[in-house]
């Protein structure tokens, strides 16, 4: 096992043969501890992402395909629970869209973790609102605790989690209402394993390119500006069937790691793209379903793929020519090409969306995020050229750099990292610019004041704002807009007035109407490009 872990980073003459010999030996023997089983699994996942040749890849995929049937895995199943390895149980308090997806796909395998006492109390209070009046009376009279109550209500063979998800799905209102109701209960769930439940062991996107390696992984720190000028090989929109596969893979990648990401949970299979960067590296971009899109920014989540294997995920919140980034390399693949991959992601976003300014929010750097602190996220981005603008963060960084110059072994303490992580980091392609953060929060409060100025009746105020915006854009009514376009118009109408669009020349107002229509299209790519090109709107609202 130790020899395989050392050899997995070796490439070149004879390296593939040595790896296959070690894999064959490990395939024949039973490992003694859960830790050893996990180590073998991680080595196999790594080699699947970075195979030497077709024979190594075939050997790895054979072992992964039957990994859940290994005797040592079955013996250590309890110790390996929540690891995301095929054949083991997954645990997480999944949010509403993911819980709904799991209950629809694997209804008999999703159940509550009944050690979650807080969820049991919330469940007991919520259940009377989800059942018939007769059942509600019975629940109130019997005073049963939440899990015992749901056991009296669910059908034979129906799991407690599937029952709750199905009942919440029938609530009156819209999906925002149902989401708020379910997430207020916040039940911890377990997903029992089957041959096709989400598992890190099985993750692969078949349409992605496969390129075998002959040279070591690309370590070191790239020149981000140089990388951003080098375009990816290609970018293509995925057909609907492949888009659905990518969205499901992204959701499953989060489930298998006990995580959740809205950009995947609300992923839009009609707005999926595959960026081929060459060398087996690709990015699967996923837009957000139209009904869940942000009113101004466009949000794209994505998987980083190495030979089709998800090695990390990211999210870009794009407004104008700026993107707020989240970037994560899965633990199995850290220490390899993370910096190079990040540079290529910036290049992909630059060439796909025209983005040339980036920011990293405090949470990604470690504020309230122990994983971010432990991974050294702040220094990772700083060493790549991202810089803080807050005076306190700049001064603290300079002091830390001085300590490192005096003593090479110096490492920032957890307390120091928390102070550094309290502020955004920034990177501009043009060194002469200092692109500000899009003032989305300030815009939100400006919208609130705009509506409040039109009276206490919020419904009438919204209608008045939309009517005024329609007049500005030359629309006699909204009858010519489809449902999605009306939703997009409702979100952007206040911004039309705040931007003072009534004073713009007619062509610019027509461009604004086209931008609103693009917001409702199957893909937001056209919207992103139109917003970046609409200088009056960006200048007045985004300070760009």
Protein backbone atom coordinates (compact mmCIF):
# COMPACT_ATOMS: atom_id res chain seq x y z
CA UNK A 1 0.00 0.00 0.00
CA UNK A 2 2.81 2.40 0.87
CA UNK A 3 4.57 1.55 -2.40
CA UNK A 4 1.41 2.29 -4.39
CA UNK A 5 0.93 5.62 -2.63
CA UNK A 6 4.51 6.60 -3.45
CA UNK A 7 4.25 5.35 -7.04
CA UNK A 8 0.98 7.05 -7.95
CA UNK A 9 2.80 10.33 -8.69
CA UNK A 10 5.40 8.61 -10.90
CA UNK A 11 4.97 8.72 -14.67
CA UNK A 12 7.19 7.70 -17.54
CA UNK A 13 8.97 4.56 -18.63
CA UNK A 14 7.84 1.50 -16.66
CA UNK A 15 5.68 3.46 -14.19
CA UNK A 16 2.43 2.00 -15.49
CA UNK A 17 3.73 -1.57 -15.27
CA UNK A 18 4.82 -1.05 -11.65
CA UNK A 19 1.43 0.37 -10.71
CA UNK A 20 -0.43 -2.52 -12.35
CA UNK A 21 1.70 -5.04 -10.45
CA UNK A 22 0.93 -3.30 -7.15
CA UNK A 23 -2.77 -3.09 -8.00
CA UNK A 24 -2.82 -6.82 -8.80
CA UNK A 25 -1.22 -7.63 -5.46
CA UNK A 26 -3.68 -5.44 -3.55
CA UNK A 27 -6.59 -6.89 -5.48
CA UNK A 28 -5.71 -10.39 -4.22
CA UNK A 29 -5.35 -9.61 -0.54
CA UNK A 30 -7.71 -8.58 2.21
CA UNK A 31 -6.73 -5.46 4.12
CA UNK A 32 -6.91 -5.51 7.90
CA UNK A 33 -8.13 -2.03 8.87
CA UNK A 34 -10.66 0.53 7.73
CA UNK A 35 -7.82 2.98 7.23
CA UNK A 36 -6.10 0.66 4.78
CA UNK A 37 -9.33 0.10 2.84
CA UNK A 38 -9.83 3.85 2.61
CA UNK A 39 -6.22 4.39 1.47
CA UNK A 40 -6.62 1.84 -1.31
CA UNK A 41 -9.87 3.48 -2.41
CA UNK A 42 -8.28 6.94 -2.56
CA UNK A 43 -5.29 5.63 -4.53
CA UNK A 44 -7.64 4.00 -7.04
CA UNK A 45 -9.69 7.21 -7.44
CA UNK A 46 -6.48 9.17 -8.00
CA UNK A 47 -5.21 6.75 -10.65
CA UNK A 48 -8.58 6.81 -12.39
CA UNK A 49 -8.24 10.56 -12.74
CA UNK A 50 -4.57 10.39 -13.78
CA UNK A 51 -3.96 7.04 -15.53
CA UNK A 52 -0.66 6.20 -17.22
CA UNK A 53 -2.26 4.22 -20.01
CA UNK A 54 -5.31 2.18 -20.99
CA UNK A 55 -4.13 -0.89 -19.09
CA UNK A 56 -3.73 1.00 -15.80
CA UNK A 57 -7.13 2.62 -16.30
CA UNK A 58 -8.78 -0.73 -17.02
CA UNK A 59 -7.21 -2.31 -13.91
CA UNK A 60 -8.34 0.60 -11.73
CA UNK A 61 -11.88 0.58 -13.09
CA UNK A 62 -12.20 -3.18 -12.56
CA UNK A 63 -11.20 -2.78 -8.91
CA UNK A 64 -13.50 0.19 -8.35
CA UNK A 65 -16.44 -1.56 -10.05
CA UNK A 66 -16.34 -4.36 -7.47
CA UNK A 67 -15.02 -2.35 -4.53
CA UNK A 68 -18.32 -2.57 -2.63
CA UNK A 69 -18.07 -6.36 -2.80
CA UNK A 70 -14.65 -6.59 -1.15
CA UNK A 71 -14.69 -8.70 1.99
CA UNK A 72 -12.52 -6.19 3.87
CA UNK A 73 -14.96 -3.37 3.01
CA UNK A 74 -17.90 -5.42 4.27
CA UNK A 75 -15.99 -6.18 7.47
CA UNK A 76 -15.23 -2.47 8.00
CA UNK A 77 -18.55 -1.10 6.71
CA UNK A 78 -19.51 0.58 9.98
CA UNK A 79 -16.11 2.21 10.43
CA UNK A 80 -16.25 3.49 6.85
CA UNK A 81 -19.76 4.94 7.14
CA UNK A 82 -20.11 8.50 5.80
CA UNK A 83 -16.92 8.10 3.74
CA UNK A 84 -18.68 8.22 0.38
CA UNK A 85 -17.21 4.85 -0.57
CA UNK A 86 -19.58 2.55 -2.47
CA UNK A 87 -21.30 0.09 -0.14
CA UNK A 88 -21.34 2.46 2.85
CA UNK A 89 -24.05 4.67 4.38
CA UNK A 90 -24.03 8.42 3.69
CA UNK A 91 -25.17 10.94 6.32
CA UNK A 92 -26.11 14.61 5.99
CA UNK A 93 -28.93 17.08 6.80
CA UNK A 94 -29.69 17.54 3.10
CA UNK A 95 -31.47 20.71 2.04
CA UNK A 96 -34.88 20.54 0.40
CA UNK A 97 -33.97 20.18 -3.30
CA UNK A 98 -31.41 17.46 -2.60
CA UNK A 99 -33.69 15.61 -0.18
CA UNK A 100 -36.46 15.75 -2.80
CA UNK A 101 -34.07 14.42 -5.48
CA UNK A 102 -32.89 11.56 -3.27
CA UNK A 103 -36.43 10.65 -2.21
CA UNK A 104 -37.52 10.56 -5.85
CA UNK A 105 -34.58 8.43 -7.02
CA UNK A 106 -34.03 6.16 -4.01
CA UNK A 107 -37.19 6.41 -1.88
CA UNK A 108 -36.59 3.14 -0.04
CA UNK A 109 -33.00 4.03 0.88
CA UNK A 110 -33.46 7.48 2.42
CA UNK A 111 -34.26 7.51 6.13
CA UNK A 112 -33.89 9.77 9.15
CA UNK A 113 -30.98 9.62 11.57
CA UNK A 114 -33.09 9.25 14.69
CA UNK A 115 -30.36 10.43 17.00
CA UNK A 116 -31.12 13.98 15.80
CA UNK A 117 -33.22 15.20 18.74
CA UNK A 118 -33.59 18.78 17.50
CA UNK A 119 -35.07 17.58 14.21
CA UNK A 120 -37.45 15.28 16.10
CA UNK A 121 -38.87 18.22 18.02
CA UNK A 122 -39.30 20.30 14.87
CA UNK A 123 -40.85 17.33 13.10
CA UNK A 124 -43.40 16.84 15.87
CA UNK A 125 -44.49 20.49 15.56
CA UNK A 126 -44.65 20.36 11.75
CA UNK A 127 -46.48 17.08 11.15
CA UNK A 128 -50.02 18.31 12.02
CA UNK A 129 -49.68 20.86 9.21
CA UNK A 130 -48.90 18.13 6.66
CA UNK A 131 -51.74 15.67 7.22
CA UNK A 132 -55.53 15.53 7.18
CA UNK A 133 -57.51 17.27 9.98
CA UNK A 134 -58.43 13.86 11.48
CA UNK A 135 -54.75 12.85 11.66
CA UNK A 136 -53.79 16.26 13.05
CA UNK A 137 -56.30 15.84 15.91
CA UNK A 138 -54.91 12.37 16.64
CA UNK A 139 -51.33 13.66 16.75
CA UNK A 140 -52.24 16.46 19.13
CA UNK A 141 -54.18 14.15 21.42
CA UNK A 142 -51.57 11.37 21.45
CA UNK A 143 -48.67 13.79 22.05
CA UNK A 144 -46.27 11.45 20.26
CA UNK A 145 -42.66 12.47 19.65
CA UNK A 146 -41.79 13.24 16.04
CA UNK A 147 -40.34 9.91 14.94
CA UNK A 148 -42.99 7.88 16.74
CA UNK A 149 -45.68 10.10 15.20
CA UNK A 150 -44.40 9.65 11.68
CA UNK A 151 -44.29 5.87 12.23
CA UNK A 152 -48.04 5.96 12.90
CA UNK A 153 -48.67 7.80 9.65
CA UNK A 154 -46.41 6.35 6.95
CA UNK A 155 -47.35 3.47 4.69
CA UNK A 156 -45.92 0.00 5.14
CA UNK A 157 -42.53 -0.06 3.48
CA UNK A 158 -42.39 3.75 3.17
CA UNK A 159 -39.41 5.32 4.93
CA UNK A 160 -39.86 8.20 7.36
CA UNK A 161 -37.80 10.54 5.19
CA UNK A 162 -39.70 9.69 2.01
CA UNK A 163 -43.00 10.29 3.84
CA UNK A 164 -41.92 13.74 4.99
CA UNK A 165 -40.57 14.79 1.59
CA UNK A 166 -43.75 13.65 -0.14
CA UNK A 167 -45.99 15.46 2.31
CA UNK A 168 -43.99 18.70 2.09
CA UNK A 169 -44.19 18.47 -1.72
CA UNK A 170 -48.00 18.72 -1.49
CA UNK A 171 -48.01 21.90 0.60
CA UNK A 172 -49.87 24.87 -0.83
CA UNK A 173 -47.75 27.73 -2.10
CA UNK A 174 -44.66 27.55 -4.27
CA UNK A 175 -41.37 25.70 -4.03
CA UNK A 176 -39.81 28.55 -2.05
CA UNK A 177 -42.48 27.99 0.61
CA UNK A 178 -41.89 24.25 0.66
CA UNK A 179 -38.14 24.73 0.87
CA UNK A 180 -38.47 27.06 3.87
CA UNK A 181 -40.82 24.62 5.60
CA UNK A 182 -38.58 21.58 5.11
CA UNK A 183 -35.33 23.37 5.96
CA UNK A 184 -36.88 24.68 9.20
CA UNK A 185 -37.22 21.04 10.28
CA UNK A 186 -33.65 20.37 9.06
CA UNK A 187 -33.69 16.59 9.56
CA UNK A 188 -30.46 14.61 9.44
CA UNK A 189 -30.76 11.81 6.89
CA UNK A 190 -28.99 8.60 6.03
CA UNK A 191 -28.80 7.23 2.50
CA UNK A 192 -28.36 3.47 2.55
CA UNK A 193 -26.15 2.06 -0.19
CA UNK A 194 -27.28 0.29 -3.34
CA UNK A 195 -25.62 -0.43 -6.67
CA UNK A 196 -26.38 3.07 -7.98
CA UNK A 197 -26.67 5.43 -5.01
CA UNK A 198 -24.18 8.32 -5.12
CA UNK A 199 -20.67 7.17 -4.22
CA UNK A 200 -17.25 8.63 -4.87
CA UNK A 201 -16.19 5.18 -6.11
CA UNK A 202 -18.37 5.41 -9.21
CA UNK A 203 -17.98 9.07 -10.18
CA UNK A 204 -17.12 9.67 -13.82
CA UNK A 205 -18.49 11.80 -16.66
CA UNK A 206 -18.16 9.66 -19.76
CA UNK A 207 -18.41 12.48 -22.37
CA UNK A 208 -15.29 14.19 -20.96
CA UNK A 209 -11.99 13.69 -22.81
CA UNK A 210 -9.52 11.02 -21.63
CA UNK A 211 -5.78 11.62 -22.07
CA UNK A 212 -3.15 9.30 -20.60
CA UNK A 213 -0.21 10.79 -18.71
CA UNK A 214 3.43 10.39 -19.52
CA UNK A 215 4.79 13.22 -17.37
CA UNK A 216 4.38 14.16 -13.68
CA UNK A 217 1.53 16.36 -12.51
CA UNK A 218 1.96 20.07 -12.99
CA UNK A 219 2.87 21.43 -9.56
CA UNK A 220 4.10 24.89 -8.74
CA UNK A 221 2.28 28.19 -9.03
CA UNK A 222 1.23 29.42 -12.47
CA UNK A 223 1.20 33.00 -13.75
CA UNK A 224 -2.53 33.66 -13.62
CA UNK A 225 -2.43 36.49 -16.15
CA UNK A 226 -0.50 34.34 -18.58
CA UNK A 227 -2.94 31.47 -18.09
CA UNK A 228 -5.95 33.71 -18.64
CA UNK A 229 -4.60 34.78 -22.03
CA UNK A 230 -4.38 31.14 -23.16
CA UNK A 231 -7.80 29.98 -24.25
CA UNK A 232 -9.12 26.46 -23.57
CA UNK A 233 -9.19 24.05 -26.51
CA UNK A 234 -12.96 24.16 -26.91
CA UNK A 235 -16.27 24.86 -25.24
CA UNK A 236 -19.48 23.16 -26.30
CA UNK A 237 -23.01 23.10 -25.05
CA UNK A 238 -24.05 19.64 -23.91
CA UNK A 239 -27.09 17.89 -25.35
CA UNK A 240 -29.94 17.55 -22.88
CA UNK A 241 -29.24 13.90 -22.00
CA UNK A 242 -25.59 14.64 -21.20
CA UNK A 243 -26.64 17.78 -19.33
CA UNK A 244 -28.85 15.69 -17.08
CA UNK A 245 -25.98 13.28 -16.48
CA UNK A 246 -23.68 16.15 -15.53
CA UNK A 247 -26.22 17.67 -13.11
CA UNK A 248 -26.85 14.28 -11.49
CA UNK A 249 -23.11 13.66 -11.22
CA UNK A 250 -22.60 17.05 -9.57
CA UNK A 251 -25.42 16.45 -7.09
CA UNK A 252 -24.08 12.99 -6.33
CA UNK A 253 -20.55 14.33 -5.85
CA UNK A 254 -21.90 16.59 -3.12
CA UNK A 255 -23.99 13.82 -1.53
CA UNK A 256 -21.03 11.46 -1.43
CA UNK A 257 -19.02 14.08 0.44
CA UNK A 258 -21.82 15.15 2.81
CA UNK A 259 -22.16 18.57 1.19
CA UNK A 260 -24.79 20.58 -0.65
CA UNK A 261 -24.49 23.35 -3.24
CA UNK A 262 -27.45 25.37 -4.53
CA UNK A 263 -25.96 25.70 -8.01
CA UNK A 264 -26.11 21.91 -8.32
CA UNK A 265 -29.30 21.36 -6.34
CA UNK A 266 -31.07 23.77 -8.72
CA UNK A 267 -28.94 22.83 -11.71
CA UNK A 268 -30.36 23.40 -15.19
CA UNK A 269 -29.64 20.52 -17.57
CA UNK A 270 -30.46 22.85 -20.49
CA UNK A 271 -27.63 25.20 -19.52
CA UNK A 272 -24.64 22.85 -19.26
CA UNK A 273 -21.31 23.25 -21.02
CA UNK A 274 -18.13 21.21 -21.31
CA UNK A 275 -14.89 23.17 -21.51
CA UNK A 276 -12.05 20.98 -22.83
CA UNK A 277 -8.78 22.46 -21.61
CA UNK A 278 -6.55 19.74 -23.03
CA UNK A 279 -4.43 17.15 -21.28
CA UNK A 280 -7.53 15.43 -19.88
CA UNK A 281 -8.56 18.52 -17.87
CA UNK A 282 -12.11 19.75 -18.41
CA UNK A 283 -14.70 21.88 -16.63
CA UNK A 284 -18.39 20.99 -16.59
CA UNK A 285 -20.37 24.24 -16.21
CA UNK A 286 -23.92 24.13 -14.85
CA UNK A 287 -26.32 27.06 -14.90
CA UNK A 288 -29.23 27.55 -12.51
CA UNK A 289 -32.85 26.73 -13.33
CA UNK A 290 -34.65 29.90 -14.54
CA UNK A 291 -37.06 30.01 -11.60
CA UNK A 292 -34.11 30.02 -9.16
CA UNK A 293 -31.83 32.51 -10.86
CA UNK A 294 -30.51 35.55 -9.03
CA UNK A 295 -32.13 38.81 -10.21
CA UNK A 296 -28.89 40.46 -11.41
CA UNK A 297 -25.90 38.13 -11.16
CA UNK A 298 -25.65 34.90 -13.14
CA UNK A 299 -24.56 31.89 -11.08
CA UNK A 300 -22.71 28.95 -12.60
CA UNK A 301 -21.55 25.95 -10.63
CA UNK A 302 -19.23 23.37 -12.04
CA UNK A 303 -17.15 20.26 -11.67
CA UNK A 304 -13.44 20.12 -12.34
CA UNK A 305 -12.87 16.92 -14.31
CA UNK A 306 -9.63 14.99 -14.79
CA UNK A 307 -10.26 12.35 -17.46
CA UNK A 308 -13.94 12.59 -16.57
CA UNK A 309 -13.37 12.07 -12.83
CA UNK A 310 -14.62 14.91 -10.57
CA UNK A 311 -11.56 16.20 -8.70
CA UNK A 312 -13.22 19.34 -7.33
CA UNK A 313 -16.04 21.82 -7.73
CA UNK A 314 -16.48 25.56 -8.07
CA UNK A 315 -19.05 28.31 -8.29
CA UNK A 316 -18.86 31.66 -10.06
CA UNK A 317 -21.33 34.44 -9.30
CA UNK A 318 -20.93 36.69 -12.33
CA UNK A 319 -22.03 40.33 -12.49
CA UNK A 320 -20.75 42.38 -15.37
CA UNK A 321 -17.08 41.51 -15.87
CA UNK A 322 -16.52 40.35 -12.28
CA UNK A 323 -16.88 36.91 -10.72
CA UNK A 324 -17.06 36.00 -7.04
CA UNK A 325 -15.41 32.57 -6.88
CA UNK A 326 -15.67 29.48 -4.74
CA UNK A 327 -13.10 26.79 -5.56
CA UNK A 328 -12.54 23.45 -3.89
CA UNK A 329 -10.24 20.56 -4.76
CA UNK A 330 -11.44 17.29 -3.24
CA UNK A 331 -9.10 15.96 -0.57
CA UNK A 332 -8.09 12.90 -2.62
CA UNK A 333 -6.57 15.14 -5.28
CA UNK A 334 -4.94 17.88 -3.18
CA UNK A 335 -1.22 18.35 -3.43
CA UNK A 336 -1.28 17.68 -7.15
CA UNK A 337 -2.30 20.26 -9.75
CA UNK A 338 -4.62 22.45 -7.67
CA UNK A 339 -2.86 25.74 -8.48
CA UNK A 340 -2.51 24.91 -12.17
CA UNK A 341 -6.15 23.83 -12.31
CA UNK A 342 -7.28 27.05 -10.65
CA UNK A 343 -5.38 29.07 -13.23
CA UNK A 344 -7.05 27.14 -16.02
CA UNK A 345 -10.46 27.70 -14.41
CA UNK A 346 -9.86 31.46 -14.53
CA UNK A 347 -8.93 31.09 -18.20
CA UNK A 348 -12.15 29.14 -18.85
CA UNK A 349 -14.27 31.80 -17.15
CA UNK A 350 -12.41 34.56 -18.96
CA UNK A 351 -13.03 33.07 -22.39
CA UNK A 352 -16.56 31.78 -21.71
CA UNK A 353 -18.00 34.84 -19.96
CA UNK A 354 -15.60 37.72 -20.58
CA UNK A 355 -14.73 37.94 -16.87
CA UNK A 356 -11.49 39.77 -16.06
CA UNK A 357 -11.84 40.54 -12.33
CA UNK A 358 -12.24 38.00 -9.53
CA UNK A 359 -12.88 38.00 -5.80
CA UNK A 360 -12.81 35.37 -3.05
CA UNK A 361 -15.27 35.86 -0.21
CA UNK A 362 -14.30 35.44 3.47
CA UNK A 363 -16.10 32.12 3.94
CA UNK A 364 -13.99 30.49 1.23
CA UNK A 365 -10.88 31.80 2.97
CA UNK A 366 -11.82 30.35 6.34
CA UNK A 367 -14.25 32.70 8.07
CA UNK A 368 -16.62 30.28 9.80
CA UNK A 369 -15.11 27.51 7.69
CA UNK A 370 -12.63 25.24 9.46
CA UNK A 371 -11.83 23.36 6.26
CA UNK A 372 -10.77 26.61 4.62
CA UNK A 373 -8.49 27.41 7.54
CA UNK A 374 -6.99 23.92 7.65
CA UNK A 375 -6.29 23.89 3.91
CA UNK A 376 -4.43 27.21 4.04
CA UNK A 377 -6.85 28.72 1.53
CA UNK A 378 -5.87 32.34 2.24
CA UNK A 379 -2.18 31.77 1.44
CA UNK A 380 -3.05 29.58 -1.56
CA UNK A 381 -4.79 32.53 -3.23
CA UNK A 382 -2.34 35.14 -1.97
CA UNK A 383 0.61 33.27 -3.45
CA UNK A 384 -1.21 33.15 -6.78
CA UNK A 385 -1.52 36.94 -6.84
CA UNK A 386 -4.81 37.67 -5.06
CA UNK A 387 -4.54 40.59 -2.66
CA UNK A 388 -6.60 42.06 0.20
CA UNK A 389 -7.70 45.67 -0.01
CA UNK A 390 -8.75 46.13 3.61
CA UNK A 391 -6.03 47.99 5.51
CA UNK A 392 -6.08 45.59 8.47
CA UNK A 393 -5.63 42.55 6.24
CA UNK A 394 -2.82 44.19 4.23
CA UNK A 395 -0.91 45.15 7.37
CA UNK A 396 -1.30 41.71 8.92
CA UNK A 397 -0.18 40.02 5.68
CA UNK A 398 2.90 42.23 5.50
CA UNK A 399 3.77 41.36 9.10
CA UNK A 400 3.38 37.63 8.38
CA UNK A 401 5.57 37.91 5.26
CA UNK A 402 8.24 39.66 7.32
CA UNK A 403 8.17 36.80 9.85
CA UNK A 404 8.53 34.28 7.03
CA UNK A 405 11.54 36.14 5.66
CA UNK A 406 13.17 36.07 9.09
CA UNK A 407 12.28 32.40 9.71
CA UNK A 408 11.47 30.20 6.74
CA UNK A 409 9.64 27.66 8.92
CA UNK A 410 7.12 30.22 10.21
CA UNK A 411 3.47 29.31 9.63
CA UNK A 412 0.48 31.54 10.33
CA UNK A 413 -1.48 30.57 13.42
CA UNK A 414 -5.16 29.70 13.26
CA UNK A 415 -5.97 33.01 14.95
CA UNK A 416 -3.97 34.93 12.35
CA UNK A 417 -5.65 33.07 9.51
CA UNK A 418 -9.06 33.93 10.96
CA UNK A 419 -8.16 37.63 10.99
CA UNK A 420 -6.86 37.44 7.42
CA UNK A 421 -9.95 35.55 6.27
CA UNK A 422 -12.29 38.27 7.50
CA UNK A 423 -11.76 40.26 4.29
CA UNK A 424 -12.14 39.59 0.56
CA UNK A 425 -9.22 38.88 -1.75
CA UNK A 426 -9.12 40.39 -5.27
CA UNK A 427 -7.45 39.78 -8.60
CA UNK A 428 -7.67 41.94 -11.75
CA UNK A 429 -6.35 40.84 -15.12
CA UNK A 430 -5.43 44.48 -15.76
CA UNK A 431 -2.97 45.48 -13.03
CA UNK A 432 -3.97 49.14 -13.44
CA UNK A 433 -7.56 48.48 -12.39
CA UNK A 434 -9.10 47.97 -8.97
CA UNK A 435 -12.49 46.55 -9.82
CA UNK A 436 -14.83 46.93 -6.84
CA UNK A 437 -17.15 44.26 -5.55
CA UNK A 438 -20.57 44.51 -7.20
CA UNK A 439 -22.63 46.34 -4.55
CA UNK A 440 -25.40 43.74 -4.53
CA UNK A 441 -26.35 44.28 -0.88
CA UNK A 442 -26.49 48.05 -1.36
CA UNK A 443 -28.62 47.54 -4.45
CA UNK A 444 -31.02 45.42 -2.44
CA UNK A 445 -31.55 48.19 0.10
CA UNK A 446 -31.96 50.75 -2.68
CA UNK A 447 -34.71 48.55 -4.12
CA UNK A 448 -36.33 48.44 -0.67
CA UNK A 449 -36.34 52.25 -0.47
CA UNK A 450 -37.71 52.50 -4.01
CA UNK A 451 -40.64 50.25 -3.10
CA UNK A 452 -41.23 51.86 0.30
CA UNK A 453 -41.53 55.25 -1.39
CA UNK A 454 -44.54 53.94 -3.29
CA UNK A 455 -46.58 53.13 -0.22
CA UNK A 456 -47.25 50.46 2.36
CA UNK A 457 -48.97 48.03 0.01
CA UNK A 458 -46.01 46.03 -1.30
CA UNK A 459 -48.04 44.35 -4.05
CA UNK A 460 -49.20 47.68 -5.45
CA UNK A 461 -45.66 49.09 -5.15
CA UNK A 462 -44.21 46.18 -7.14
CA UNK A 463 -46.87 46.59 -9.81
CA UNK A 464 -46.18 50.33 -10.02
CA UNK A 465 -42.45 49.80 -10.42
CA UNK A 466 -43.00 47.24 -13.18
CA UNK A 467 -45.40 49.57 -14.95
CA UNK A 468 -42.91 52.46 -14.79
CA UNK A 469 -40.08 50.24 -16.03
CA UNK A 470 -42.24 48.98 -18.91
CA UNK A 471 -42.89 52.58 -19.99
CA UNK A 472 -39.18 53.35 -19.85
CA UNK A 473 -38.45 50.39 -22.12
CA UNK A 474 -41.25 51.17 -24.53
CA UNK A 475 -43.50 48.27 -23.54
CA UNK A 476 -47.23 48.96 -23.61
CA UNK A 477 -47.83 45.83 -21.53
CA UNK A 478 -46.13 42.63 -20.42
CA UNK A 479 -48.51 40.49 -22.47
CA UNK A 480 -45.83 39.88 -25.08
CA UNK A 481 -43.48 38.29 -22.52
CA UNK A 482 -43.63 34.61 -21.65
CA UNK A 483 -43.77 33.45 -18.02
CA UNK A 484 -40.00 33.24 -17.63
CA UNK A 485 -39.48 36.66 -19.18
CA UNK A 486 -42.10 38.18 -16.88
CA UNK A 487 -40.23 36.72 -13.90
CA UNK A 488 -36.95 38.15 -15.16
CA UNK A 489 -38.64 41.49 -15.81
CA UNK A 490 -40.03 41.56 -12.27
CA UNK A 491 -36.53 41.01 -10.87
CA UNK A 492 -34.82 43.64 -13.03
CA UNK A 493 -37.58 46.28 -13.22
CA UNK A 494 -36.46 48.11 -10.03
CA UNK A 495 -32.91 48.26 -11.41
CA UNK A 496 -34.18 49.85 -14.63
CA UNK A 497 -35.49 52.76 -12.54
CA UNK A 498 -32.48 52.91 -10.20
CA UNK A 499 -30.14 53.08 -13.19
CA UNK A 500 -32.05 56.06 -14.59
CA UNK A 501 -32.64 54.22 -17.87
CA UNK A 502 -35.35 56.70 -18.84
CA UNK A 503 -32.57 59.18 -19.73
CA UNK A 504 -30.71 56.74 -22.00
CA UNK A 505 -30.87 56.81 -25.78
CA UNK A 506 -33.45 54.48 -27.33
CA UNK A 507 -30.88 51.90 -28.58
CA UNK A 508 -29.53 51.43 -25.05
CA UNK A 509 -33.05 50.94 -23.70
CA UNK A 510 -33.74 48.37 -26.41
CA UNK A 511 -30.51 46.59 -25.45
CA UNK A 512 -31.75 46.53 -21.87
CA UNK A 513 -35.00 44.87 -22.92
CA UNK A 514 -33.03 42.27 -24.89
CA UNK A 515 -30.89 41.70 -21.79
CA UNK A 516 -34.01 41.04 -19.71
CA UNK A 517 -35.25 38.52 -22.27
CA UNK A 518 -31.83 36.83 -22.24
CA UNK A 519 -32.09 36.45 -18.46
CA UNK A 520 -35.03 34.09 -19.02
CA UNK A 521 -33.45 32.04 -21.81
CA UNK A 522 -32.57 28.37 -21.39
CA UNK A 523 -28.95 29.44 -20.92
CA UNK A 524 -27.74 32.54 -19.07
CA UNK A 525 -24.57 32.71 -21.18
CA UNK A 526 -26.11 35.27 -23.53
CA UNK A 527 -27.33 37.30 -20.55
CA UNK A 528 -23.84 37.37 -19.02
CA UNK A 529 -22.35 38.62 -22.27
CA UNK A 530 -25.06 41.26 -22.76
CA UNK A 531 -24.73 42.55 -19.19
CA UNK A 532 -20.94 42.87 -19.50
CA UNK A 533 -21.38 44.77 -22.77
CA UNK A 534 -24.05 47.17 -21.43
CA UNK A 535 -21.75 49.87 -20.13
CA UNK A 536 -24.44 52.33 -18.91
CA UNK A 537 -26.05 49.67 -16.73
CA UNK A 538 -22.73 48.40 -15.34
CA UNK A 539 -21.52 51.95 -14.72
CA UNK A 540 -24.60 53.04 -12.80
CA UNK A 541 -25.27 49.83 -10.86
CA UNK A 542 -21.99 47.90 -10.65
CA UNK A 543 -19.53 50.82 -10.57
CA UNK A 544 -17.50 49.33 -13.44
